[in-house]
Amino acid sequence: MSDPVVVGFDGSESSFAAVEVAAHEAYLRRTGLRVVHAFGWPARDTPLGRTRLGPAESGLRDLAEHIVAEAVAHAQNVEPAVDVTHTVVIDDPLSALEVQSHAAELIVVGSRGLGSFAGLLVGSTAVHLAAHGVCPVMVVRGRPAPEGPVVLAVDGSPEGAEAVGFAFAEASLREAELLALHVWNAWTERAYETPGDLRRMVVNLDRLRDEEERLLAESLSGHQVRYPEVTVRRSLLESRIRPALIEASRSAQLLVVGARGRGGFAGLLLGSVSQAVLHHSHCPVVVVRGPG
C-alpha cells in the first residue's frame, strides 16, 4: 500500500469535516488514513516526570486518545473500506504534521480549530506548513460543488509543474472536469495587480496574450497525454489574480495552486494572495510544493 493520507484532528467541527474529506481522499487513492492528534503542555512548569499520582502526561494522553477515537470512528463510518489508524504525539500540531508529511500522500487540515490548531491558517503558520511540508497540503473550507470542476491555477513555472500533475491526478480520481485557469495582466512580470497601469501603453497586449496562451498549452500538454480520460477546459483570463481565483472557486469542488511561481503567482504563499485564497476560497484548497 502507498503512503497514507494524513489528517490533523483536534475535535473541532472543522477538523471533523477534514476527517470526512481525508477519508474520501484515502478511498479514492486506495490507501490508508492516519488521524494525527498533537497536544502540548498547558504550562511551562507542568512536571514531565512520574509523580505519585502516575505519569504526568497520563491524563492529557487519555483525553487525547478519547478525542482521536471519535475521529477514527467517524472516518470508518464515512468510508468503511478505508483502513484507519491514529497517532497521538506530544508536540505542537504544526511540527507534528510537518514530520508526518515525509511519509504521507496528502496532509488534510481544517480551516479552523481549537487550541493549538486555532492558528493553523493564521499568519506564518499556514505559510510554514505549505512551504516545508513534503507532500501536498489540503485545507478544507467552504462548500465545494460536488459536480464542479477541479480548478488548477496555472502559472507556467517549473515549480508549478507539481501542482499541474496533482490536479490532473485528482481530476482523474474524482472523474471530474479539469479547469486550467491562467490569469494574466500587463503587470504579470512584476506581480502587480493594478488595473489602471501605464504598462498598457507600451506593452503589445496581443503579443503578450499569445505568449500566455502558448505558456498555458505547454504547461498542460504532457499531462493531457498521461491522463487522456480527463476532460480539460482551458481558461486564459486577463484579470487580477486574487479575485479571479476566488471567483473560480465558487463553482469548483477543489482549487489547486502551487506553493510559489512566476509572474503574478510569485509569492502565492508569501503574502496577501495566499491569505486571500486560504481565507476566502469557496471550496477546499490544495497547495503543492515544487522541487527544492
C-alpha atoms as a PDB file:
ATOM      1  CA  MET A   1       0.000   0.000   0.000  1.00  0.00           C
ATOM      2  CA  SER A   2       1.213   3.521  -0.749  1.00  0.00           C
ATOM      3  CA  ASP A   3       1.747   6.220   1.867  1.00  0.00           C
ATOM      4  CA  PRO A   4      -1.434   7.118   3.758  1.00  0.00           C
ATOM      5  CA  VAL A   5      -3.484  10.269   3.692  1.00  0.00           C
ATOM      6  CA  VAL A   6      -2.867  12.108   6.985  1.00  0.00           C
ATOM      7  CA  VAL A   7      -5.429  14.334   8.665  1.00  0.00           C
ATOM      8  CA  GLY A   8      -4.833  16.700  11.585  1.00  0.00           C
ATOM      9  CA  PHE A   9      -7.603  16.384  14.177  1.00  0.00           C
ATOM     10  CA  ASP A  10      -8.352  18.361  17.348  1.00  0.00           C
ATOM     11  CA  GLY A  11     -12.030  17.651  17.999  1.00  0.00           C
ATOM     12  CA  SER A  12     -13.351  20.849  16.434  1.00  0.00           C
ATOM     13  CA  GLU A  13     -16.199  20.915  13.933  1.00  0.00           C
ATOM     14  CA  SER A  14     -13.743  21.982  11.248  1.00  0.00           C
ATOM     15  CA  SER A  15     -11.473  19.019  11.921  1.00  0.00           C
ATOM     16  CA  PHE A  16     -14.422  16.614  11.734  1.00  0.00           C
ATOM     17  CA  ALA A  17     -15.087  17.999   8.260  1.00  0.00           C
ATOM     18  CA  ALA A  18     -11.402  17.473   7.448  1.00  0.00           C
ATOM     19  CA  VAL A  19     -11.664  13.832   8.577  1.00  0.00           C
ATOM     20  CA  GLU A  20     -14.591  13.261   6.203  1.00  0.00           C
ATOM     21  CA  VAL A  21     -12.703  14.747   3.262  1.00  0.00           C
ATOM     22  CA  ALA A  22      -9.500  12.895   4.168  1.00  0.00           C
ATOM     23  CA  ALA A  23     -11.351   9.577   4.419  1.00  0.00           C
ATOM     24  CA  HIS A  24     -12.793  10.125   0.954  1.00  0.00           C
ATOM     25  CA  GLU A  25      -9.362  11.067  -0.424  1.00  0.00           C
ATOM     26  CA  ALA A  26      -7.907   7.866   1.056  1.00  0.00           C
ATOM     27  CA  TYR A  27     -10.726   5.852  -0.516  1.00  0.00           C
ATOM     28  CA  LEU A  28     -10.107   7.397  -3.945  1.00  0.00           C
ATOM     29  CA  ARG A  29      -6.399   6.609  -3.671  1.00  0.00           C
ATOM     30  CA  ARG A  30      -6.971   3.074  -2.341  1.00  0.00           C
ATOM     31  CA  THR A  31      -4.690   3.821   0.571  1.00  0.00           C
ATOM     32  CA  GLY A  32      -4.967   4.127   4.344  1.00  0.00           C
ATOM     33  CA  LEU A  33      -5.895   7.083   6.526  1.00  0.00           C
ATOM     34  CA  ARG A  34      -3.880   8.202   9.538  1.00  0.00           C
ATOM     35  CA  VAL A  35      -5.511  10.509  12.089  1.00  0.00           C
ATOM     36  CA  VAL A  36      -2.959  12.645  13.906  1.00  0.00           C
ATOM     37  CA  HIS A  37      -3.684  14.431  17.162  1.00  0.00           C
ATOM     38  CA  ALA A  38      -0.939  16.514  18.758  1.00  0.00           C
ATOM     39  CA  PHE A  39      -1.059  18.208  22.140  1.00  0.00           C
ATOM     40  CA  GLY A  40       1.404  20.304  24.087  1.00  0.00           C
ATOM     41  CA  TRP A  41       1.803  21.054  27.774  1.00  0.00           C
ATOM     42  CA  PRO A  42      -0.630  23.626  29.173  1.00  0.00           C
ATOM     43  CA  ALA A  43       2.086  25.367  31.188  1.00  0.00           C
ATOM     44  CA  ARG A  44       5.861  25.557  31.258  1.00  0.00           C
ATOM     45  CA  ASP A  45       6.072  24.310  34.861  1.00  0.00           C
ATOM     46  CA  THR A  46       3.986  21.189  34.245  1.00  0.00           C
ATOM     47  CA  PRO A  47       6.083  18.287  35.599  1.00  0.00           C
ATOM     48  CA  LEU A  48       7.279  15.990  32.847  1.00  0.00           C
ATOM     49  CA  GLY A  49       8.266  13.048  35.046  1.00  0.00           C
ATOM     50  CA  ARG A  50       6.404  10.435  37.033  1.00  0.00           C
ATOM     51  CA  THR A  51       4.605  11.545  40.202  1.00  0.00           C
ATOM     52  CA  ARG A  52       2.935   9.592  42.989  1.00  0.00           C
ATOM     53  CA  LEU A  53      -0.304  10.083  41.026  1.00  0.00           C
ATOM     54  CA  GLY A  54       1.168   8.420  37.959  1.00  0.00           C
ATOM     55  CA  PRO A  55       2.863   9.656  34.795  1.00  0.00           C
ATOM     56  CA  ALA A  56       2.445  13.391  34.323  1.00  0.00           C
ATOM     57  CA  GLU A  57       1.141  13.038  30.798  1.00  0.00           C
ATOM     58  CA  SER A  58      -1.361  10.268  31.523  1.00  0.00           C
ATOM     59  CA  GLY A  59      -4.412  12.499  31.989  1.00  0.00           C
ATOM     60  CA  LEU A  60      -3.755  14.519  28.843  1.00  0.00           C
ATOM     61  CA  ARG A  61      -2.933  11.432  26.838  1.00  0.00           C
ATOM     62  CA  ASP A  62      -6.096   9.643  27.960  1.00  0.00           C
ATOM     63  CA  LEU A  63      -8.114  12.676  26.889  1.00  0.00           C
ATOM     64  CA  ALA A  64      -6.246  12.814  23.583  1.00  0.00           C
ATOM     65  CA  GLU A  65      -6.857   9.120  22.941  1.00  0.00           C
ATOM     66  CA  HIS A  66     -10.555   9.644  23.605  1.00  0.00           C
ATOM     67  CA  ILE A  67     -10.655  12.606  21.211  1.00  0.00           C
ATOM     68  CA  VAL A  68      -8.853  10.782  18.421  1.00  0.00           C
ATOM     69  CA  ALA A  69     -11.036   7.673  18.868  1.00  0.00           C
ATOM     70  CA  GLU A  70     -14.021   9.822  17.865  1.00  0.00           C
ATOM     71  CA  ALA A  71     -12.238  10.803  14.676  1.00  0.00           C
ATOM     72  CA  VAL A  72     -11.336   7.199  13.852  1.00  0.00           C
ATOM     73  CA  ALA A  73     -14.939   6.093  14.352  1.00  0.00           C
ATOM     74  CA  HIS A  74     -16.190   8.989  12.222  1.00  0.00           C
ATOM     75  CA  ALA A  75     -13.774   8.151   9.393  1.00  0.00           C
ATOM     76  CA  GLN A  76     -14.753   4.468   9.469  1.00  0.00           C
ATOM     77  CA  ASN A  77     -18.402   5.456   9.317  1.00  0.00           C
ATOM     78  CA  VAL A  78     -17.772   7.724   6.305  1.00  0.00           C
ATOM     79  CA  GLU A  79     -15.603   5.242   4.366  1.00  0.00           C
ATOM     80  CA  PRO A  80     -15.870   1.712   5.860  1.00  0.00           C
ATOM     81  CA  ALA A  81     -13.472   0.275   3.271  1.00  0.00           C
ATOM     82  CA  VAL A  82     -10.588   2.530   4.365  1.00  0.00           C
ATOM     83  CA  ASP A  83      -8.042   1.245   6.879  1.00  0.00           C
ATOM     84  CA  VAL A  84      -7.864   3.928   9.591  1.00  0.00           C
ATOM     85  CA  THR A  85      -5.005   4.252  12.082  1.00  0.00           C
ATOM     86  CA  HIS A  86      -4.165   7.014  14.533  1.00  0.00           C
ATOM     87  CA  THR A  87      -1.194   8.688  16.173  1.00  0.00           C
ATOM     88  CA  VAL A  88      -1.144  10.795  19.340  1.00  0.00           C
ATOM     89  CA  VAL A  89       2.015  12.837  19.878  1.00  0.00           C
ATOM     90  CA  ILE A  90       3.226  15.337  22.452  1.00  0.00           C
ATOM     91  CA  ASP A  91       4.208  18.168  20.141  1.00  0.00           C
ATOM     92  CA  ASP A  92       2.775  21.270  18.566  1.00  0.00           C
ATOM     93  CA  PRO A  93       0.427  20.366  15.676  1.00  0.00           C
ATOM     94  CA  LEU A  94       2.436  22.142  13.007  1.00  0.00           C
ATOM     95  CA  SER A  95       5.657  20.284  13.813  1.00  0.00           C
ATOM     96  CA  ALA A  96       3.780  17.003  14.098  1.00  0.00           C
ATOM     97  CA  LEU A  97       2.146  17.416  10.695  1.00  0.00           C
ATOM     98  CA  GLU A  98       5.390  18.512   9.098  1.00  0.00           C
ATOM     99  CA  VAL A  99       7.043  15.299  10.325  1.00  0.00           C
ATOM    100  CA  GLN A 100       4.079  13.249   9.120  1.00  0.00           C
ATOM    101  CA  SER A 101       4.321  14.835   5.662  1.00  0.00           C
ATOM    102  CA  HIS A 102       7.553  12.942   4.985  1.00  0.00           C
ATOM    103  CA  ALA A 103       5.592   9.702   4.666  1.00  0.00           C
ATOM    104  CA  ALA A 104       2.167  10.884   3.530  1.00  0.00           C
ATOM    105  CA  GLU A 105       0.352  11.037   0.225  1.00  0.00           C
ATOM    106  CA  LEU A 106      -1.542  14.134   1.339  1.00  0.00           C
ATOM    107  CA  ILE A 107      -1.954  16.213   4.520  1.00  0.00           C
ATOM    108  CA  VAL A 108      -5.515  17.389   5.230  1.00  0.00           C
ATOM    109  CA  VAL A 109      -6.388  20.090   7.771  1.00  0.00           C
ATOM    110  CA  GLY A 110      -9.481  22.097   8.633  1.00  0.00           C
ATOM    111  CA  SER A 111      -9.687  25.830   8.155  1.00  0.00           C
ATOM    112  CA  ARG A 112     -10.280  26.490  11.853  1.00  0.00           C
ATOM    113  CA  GLY A 113      -9.600  24.605  15.039  1.00  0.00           C
ATOM    114  CA  LEU A 114      -9.291  24.519  18.796  1.00  0.00           C
ATOM    115  CA  GLY A 115      -6.280  25.176  20.968  1.00  0.00           C
ATOM    116  CA  SER A 116      -3.010  24.895  19.083  1.00  0.00           C
ATOM    117  CA  PHE A 117      -4.826  24.217  15.829  1.00  0.00           C
ATOM    118  CA  ALA A 118      -6.711  27.514  16.113  1.00  0.00           C
ATOM    119  CA  GLY A 119      -3.919  29.423  14.425  1.00  0.00           C
ATOM    120  CA  LEU A 120      -3.266  26.859  11.739  1.00  0.00           C
ATOM    121  CA  LEU A 121      -4.326  29.231   8.971  1.00  0.00           C
ATOM    122  CA  VAL A 122      -3.328  32.494  10.574  1.00  0.00           C
ATOM    123  CA  GLY A 123      -0.130  34.284   9.606  1.00  0.00           C
ATOM    124  CA  SER A 124       3.120  32.399   9.269  1.00  0.00           C
ATOM    125  CA  THR A 125       1.792  29.034  10.485  1.00  0.00           C
ATOM    126  CA  ALA A 126      -0.027  28.152   7.249  1.00  0.00           C
ATOM    127  CA  VAL A 127       2.855  29.519   5.217  1.00  0.00           C
ATOM    128  CA  HIS A 128       5.274  27.307   7.144  1.00  0.00           C
ATOM    129  CA  LEU A 129       3.236  24.140   6.712  1.00  0.00           C
ATOM    130  CA  ALA A 130       2.704  24.707   2.983  1.00  0.00           C
ATOM    131  CA  ALA A 131       6.316  25.756   2.432  1.00  0.00           C
ATOM    132  CA  HIS A 132       8.000  22.993   4.447  1.00  0.00           C
ATOM    133  CA  GLY A 133       5.623  20.054   4.259  1.00  0.00           C
ATOM    134  CA  VAL A 134       6.976  17.435   1.888  1.00  0.00           C
ATOM    135  CA  CYS A 135       3.615  16.359   0.466  1.00  0.00           C
ATOM    136  CA  PRO A 136       0.668  18.441  -0.811  1.00  0.00           C
ATOM    137  CA  VAL A 137      -1.434  20.185   1.851  1.00  0.00           C
ATOM    138  CA  MET A 138      -5.227  20.341   1.595  1.00  0.00           C
ATOM    139  CA  VAL A 139      -7.133  22.983   3.546  1.00  0.00           C
ATOM    140  CA  VAL A 140     -10.808  22.056   3.923  1.00  0.00           C
ATOM    141  CA  ARG A 141     -13.042  25.102   3.770  1.00  0.00           C
ATOM    142  CA  GLY A 142     -16.165  26.418   2.070  1.00  0.00           C
ATOM    143  CA  ARG A 143     -18.844  24.333   0.405  1.00  0.00           C
ATOM    144  CA  PRO A 144     -17.437  22.512  -2.618  1.00  0.00           C
ATOM    145  CA  ALA A 145     -19.633  21.989  -5.664  1.00  0.00           C
ATOM    146  CA  PRO A 146     -19.850  18.174  -5.975  1.00  0.00           C
ATOM    147  CA  GLU A 147     -20.363  18.318  -9.742  1.00  0.00           C
ATOM    148  CA  GLY A 148     -17.971  21.211 -10.285  1.00  0.00           C
ATOM    149  CA  PRO A 149     -14.511  21.036 -11.832  1.00  0.00           C
ATOM    150  CA  VAL A 150     -11.119  20.740 -10.229  1.00  0.00           C
ATOM    151  CA  VAL A 151      -9.678  24.217 -10.775  1.00  0.00           C
ATOM    152  CA  LEU A 152      -5.951  24.445 -11.420  1.00  0.00           C
ATOM    153  CA  ALA A 153      -4.090  27.750 -11.167  1.00  0.00           C
ATOM    154  CA  VAL A 154      -1.510  27.518 -13.961  1.00  0.00           C
ATOM    155  CA  ASP A 155       1.495  29.850 -13.854  1.00  0.00           C
ATOM    156  CA  GLY A 156       3.859  28.093 -16.270  1.00  0.00           C
ATOM    157  CA  SER A 157       6.787  27.895 -13.869  1.00  0.00           C
ATOM    158  CA  PRO A 158       8.929  24.763 -13.378  1.00  0.00           C
ATOM    159  CA  GLU A 159       7.930  24.832  -9.700  1.00  0.00           C
ATOM    160  CA  GLY A 160       4.267  24.844 -10.690  1.00  0.00           C
ATOM    161  CA  ALA A 161       4.558  21.609 -12.676  1.00  0.00           C
ATOM    162  CA  GLU A 162       3.977  19.574  -9.497  1.00  0.00           C
ATOM    163  CA  ALA A 163       0.641  21.316  -8.993  1.00  0.00           C
ATOM    164  CA  VAL A 164      -0.354  20.573 -12.597  1.00  0.00           C
ATOM    165  CA  GLY A 165       0.399  16.876 -12.150  1.00  0.00           C
ATOM    166  CA  PHE A 166      -1.505  16.747  -8.859  1.00  0.00           C
ATOM    167  CA  ALA A 167      -4.560  18.462 -10.365  1.00  0.00           C
ATOM    168  CA  PHE A 168      -4.706  16.038 -13.304  1.00  0.00           C
ATOM    169  CA  ALA A 169      -4.424  13.049 -10.966  1.00  0.00           C
ATOM    170  CA  GLU A 170      -7.102  14.459  -8.671  1.00  0.00           C
ATOM    171  CA  ALA A 171      -9.469  15.162 -11.555  1.00  0.00           C
ATOM    172  CA  SER A 172      -8.938  11.584 -12.763  1.00  0.00           C
ATOM    173  CA  LEU A 173      -9.653  10.134  -9.309  1.00  0.00           C
ATOM    174  CA  ARG A 174     -12.794  12.227  -8.949  1.00  0.00           C
ATOM    175  CA  GLU A 175     -13.881  11.699 -12.587  1.00  0.00           C
ATOM    176  CA  ALA A 176     -14.211  15.461 -12.767  1.00  0.00           C
ATOM    177  CA  GLU A 177     -13.516  18.079 -15.401  1.00  0.00           C
ATOM    178  CA  LEU A 178     -10.261  19.991 -15.005  1.00  0.00           C
ATOM    179  CA  LEU A 179     -10.472  23.750 -15.435  1.00  0.00           C
ATOM    180  CA  ALA A 180      -6.949  25.005 -16.140  1.00  0.00           C
ATOM    181  CA  LEU A 181      -7.021  28.694 -15.297  1.00  0.00           C
ATOM    182  CA  HIS A 182      -4.183  31.011 -16.264  1.00  0.00           C
ATOM    183  CA  VAL A 183      -4.633  34.570 -15.063  1.00  0.00           C
ATOM    184  CA  TRP A 184      -2.519  37.255 -16.661  1.00  0.00           C
ATOM    185  CA  ASN A 185      -2.360  41.002 -16.992  1.00  0.00           C
ATOM    186  CA  ALA A 186       0.041  43.677 -18.242  1.00  0.00           C
ATOM    187  CA  TRP A 187       1.747  43.673 -14.855  1.00  0.00           C
ATOM    188  CA  THR A 188       2.293  39.911 -14.749  1.00  0.00           C
ATOM    189  CA  GLU A 189       6.075  40.063 -14.908  1.00  0.00           C
ATOM    190  CA  ARG A 190       6.249  42.227 -11.772  1.00  0.00           C
ATOM    191  CA  ALA A 191       3.337  40.531  -9.988  1.00  0.00           C
ATOM    192  CA  TYR A 192       1.373  43.759  -9.722  1.00  0.00           C
ATOM    193  CA  GLU A 193      -2.386  43.743  -9.939  1.00  0.00           C
ATOM    194  CA  THR A 194      -3.240  47.398 -10.536  1.00  0.00           C
ATOM    195  CA  PRO A 195      -5.999  47.570 -13.192  1.00  0.00           C
ATOM    196  CA  GLY A 196      -5.185  51.063 -14.494  1.00  0.00           C
ATOM    197  CA  ASP A 197      -1.486  50.629 -15.254  1.00  0.00           C
ATOM    198  CA  LEU A 198       0.816  52.615 -17.513  1.00  0.00           C
ATOM    199  CA  ARG A 199       2.417  49.499 -18.986  1.00  0.00           C
ATOM    200  CA  ARG A 200      -0.683  49.005 -21.128  1.00  0.00           C
ATOM    201  CA  MET A 201       0.551  51.994 -23.148  1.00  0.00           C
ATOM    202  CA  VAL A 202       3.886  50.348 -24.036  1.00  0.00           C
ATOM    203  CA  VAL A 203       3.166  46.592 -23.922  1.00  0.00           C
ATOM    204  CA  ASN A 204       1.859  44.799 -27.015  1.00  0.00           C
ATOM    205  CA  LEU A 205      -1.112  43.138 -25.345  1.00  0.00           C
ATOM    206  CA  ASP A 206      -1.962  40.957 -28.328  1.00  0.00           C
ATOM    207  CA  ARG A 207       1.548  39.542 -28.378  1.00  0.00           C
ATOM    208  CA  LEU A 208       1.542  39.102 -24.603  1.00  0.00           C
ATOM    209  CA  ARG A 209      -1.804  37.305 -24.778  1.00  0.00           C
ATOM    210  CA  ASP A 210      -0.431  34.928 -27.441  1.00  0.00           C
ATOM    211  CA  GLU A 211       2.605  34.199 -25.263  1.00  0.00           C
ATOM    212  CA  GLU A 212       0.413  33.482 -22.251  1.00  0.00           C
ATOM    213  CA  GLU A 213      -1.807  31.173 -24.309  1.00  0.00           C
ATOM    214  CA  ARG A 214       1.266  29.259 -25.505  1.00  0.00           C
ATOM    215  CA  LEU A 215       2.519  29.005 -21.927  1.00  0.00           C
ATOM    216  CA  LEU A 216      -0.820  27.562 -20.796  1.00  0.00           C
ATOM    217  CA  ALA A 217      -0.823  24.974 -23.593  1.00  0.00           C
ATOM    218  CA  GLU A 218       2.765  23.903 -22.918  1.00  0.00           C
ATOM    219  CA  SER A 219       2.093  23.562 -19.194  1.00  0.00           C
ATOM    220  CA  LEU A 220      -0.684  21.054 -19.861  1.00  0.00           C
ATOM    221  CA  SER A 221       0.484  19.129 -22.937  1.00  0.00           C
ATOM    222  CA  GLY A 222       2.427  16.268 -21.338  1.00  0.00           C
ATOM    223  CA  HIS A 223      -0.181  15.708 -18.661  1.00  0.00           C
ATOM    224  CA  GLN A 224      -3.026  15.510 -21.152  1.00  0.00           C
ATOM    225  CA  VAL A 225      -1.248  12.587 -22.808  1.00  0.00           C
ATOM    226  CA  ARG A 226      -0.832  10.851 -19.456  1.00  0.00           C
ATOM    227  CA  TYR A 227      -4.463  11.407 -18.425  1.00  0.00           C
ATOM    228  CA  PRO A 228      -6.486  11.079 -21.656  1.00  0.00           C
ATOM    229  CA  GLU A 229      -9.628  10.359 -19.643  1.00  0.00           C
ATOM    230  CA  VAL A 230      -9.605  13.836 -18.085  1.00  0.00           C
ATOM    231  CA  THR A 231     -11.652  16.484 -19.864  1.00  0.00           C
ATOM    232  CA  VAL A 232      -9.653  19.704 -19.796  1.00  0.00           C
ATOM    233  CA  ARG A 233     -11.128  23.164 -20.218  1.00  0.00           C
ATOM    234  CA  ARG A 234      -8.581  25.928 -20.666  1.00  0.00           C
ATOM    235  CA  SER A 235      -9.278  29.449 -19.485  1.00  0.00           C
ATOM    236  CA  LEU A 236      -6.985  32.363 -20.287  1.00  0.00           C
ATOM    237  CA  LEU A 237      -8.218  35.273 -18.220  1.00  0.00           C
ATOM    238  CA  GLU A 238      -6.939  38.847 -18.239  1.00  0.00           C
ATOM    239  CA  SER A 239      -7.732  39.910 -14.711  1.00  0.00           C
ATOM    240  CA  ARG A 240      -6.410  40.395 -11.222  1.00  0.00           C
ATOM    241  CA  ILE A 241      -5.241  37.139  -9.710  1.00  0.00           C
ATOM    242  CA  ARG A 242      -6.836  37.067  -6.267  1.00  0.00           C
ATOM    243  CA  PRO A 243     -10.435  37.833  -7.261  1.00  0.00           C
ATOM    244  CA  ALA A 244     -10.137  35.548 -10.308  1.00  0.00           C
ATOM    245  CA  LEU A 245      -9.140  32.541  -8.194  1.00  0.00           C
ATOM    246  CA  ILE A 246     -11.742  33.250  -5.539  1.00  0.00           C
ATOM    247  CA  GLU A 247     -14.478  33.638  -8.130  1.00  0.00           C
ATOM    248  CA  ALA A 248     -13.462  30.412  -9.887  1.00  0.00           C
ATOM    249  CA  SER A 249     -13.669  28.561  -6.562  1.00  0.00           C
ATOM    250  CA  ARG A 250     -17.393  29.349  -6.282  1.00  0.00           C
ATOM    251  CA  SER A 251     -18.342  26.596  -8.701  1.00  0.00           C
ATOM    252  CA  ALA A 252     -15.399  24.251  -8.050  1.00  0.00           C
ATOM    253  CA  GLN A 253     -15.026  21.127  -5.950  1.00  0.00           C
ATOM    254  CA  LEU A 254     -11.312  21.778  -5.439  1.00  0.00           C
ATOM    255  CA  LEU A 255      -8.773  24.537  -6.095  1.00  0.00           C
ATOM    256  CA  VAL A 256      -5.146  23.514  -6.710  1.00  0.00           C
ATOM    257  CA  VAL A 257      -2.289  26.015  -6.524  1.00  0.00           C
ATOM    258  CA  GLY A 258       1.498  25.831  -6.471  1.00  0.00           C
ATOM    259  CA  ALA A 259       3.457  26.995  -3.448  1.00  0.00           C
ATOM    260  CA  ARG A 260       5.387  29.522  -5.484  1.00  0.00           C
ATOM    261  CA  GLY A 261       5.654  30.501  -9.112  1.00  0.00           C
ATOM    262  CA  ARG A 262       6.402  33.051 -11.780  1.00  0.00           C
ATOM    263  CA  GLY A 263       4.842  36.364 -12.605  1.00  0.00           C
ATOM    264  CA  GLY A 264       1.582  37.091 -10.849  1.00  0.00           C
ATOM    265  CA  PHE A 265       1.746  33.863  -8.856  1.00  0.00           C
ATOM    266  CA  ALA A 266       5.207  34.581  -7.433  1.00  0.00           C
ATOM    267  CA  GLY A 267       4.808  34.733  -3.674  1.00  0.00           C
ATOM    268  CA  LEU A 268       1.442  32.965  -3.759  1.00  0.00           C
ATOM    269  CA  LEU A 269       2.090  31.722  -0.223  1.00  0.00           C
ATOM    270  CA  LEU A 270       4.192  34.630   0.902  1.00  0.00           C
ATOM    271  CA  GLY A 271       1.682  37.423   1.257  1.00  0.00           C
ATOM    272  CA  SER A 272      -1.761  38.769   0.507  1.00  0.00           C
ATOM    273  CA  VAL A 273      -2.570  36.402  -2.360  1.00  0.00           C
ATOM    274  CA  SER A 274      -2.127  33.357  -0.133  1.00  0.00           C
ATOM    275  CA  GLN A 275      -4.241  34.903   2.597  1.00  0.00           C
ATOM    276  CA  ALA A 276      -6.984  35.678   0.077  1.00  0.00           C
ATOM    277  CA  VAL A 277      -7.055  32.132  -1.293  1.00  0.00           C
ATOM    278  CA  LEU A 278      -6.834  30.362   2.068  1.00  0.00           C
ATOM    279  CA  HIS A 279      -9.368  32.605   3.787  1.00  0.00           C
ATOM    280  CA  HIS A 280     -11.834  33.358   1.005  1.00  0.00           C
ATOM    281  CA  SER A 281     -11.913  30.334  -1.302  1.00  0.00           C
ATOM    282  CA  HIS A 282     -15.375  28.819  -1.580  1.00  0.00           C
ATOM    283  CA  CYS A 283     -14.009  25.280  -1.814  1.00  0.00           C
ATOM    284  CA  PRO A 284     -11.108  23.254  -0.399  1.00  0.00           C
ATOM    285  CA  VAL A 285      -7.630  24.377  -1.472  1.00  0.00           C
ATOM    286  CA  VAL A 286      -4.591  22.171  -2.121  1.00  0.00           C
ATOM    287  CA  VAL A 287      -1.139  23.741  -2.025  1.00  0.00           C
ATOM    288  CA  VAL A 288       1.503  21.735  -3.885  1.00  0.00           C
ATOM    289  CA  ARG A 289       5.202  22.379  -3.454  1.00  0.00           C
ATOM    290  CA  GLY A 290       7.579  22.091  -6.347  1.00  0.00           C
ATOM    291  CA  PRO A 291      11.073  20.537  -6.098  1.00  0.00           C
ATOM    292  CA  GLY A 292      13.627  22.232  -3.867  1.00  0.00           C
END
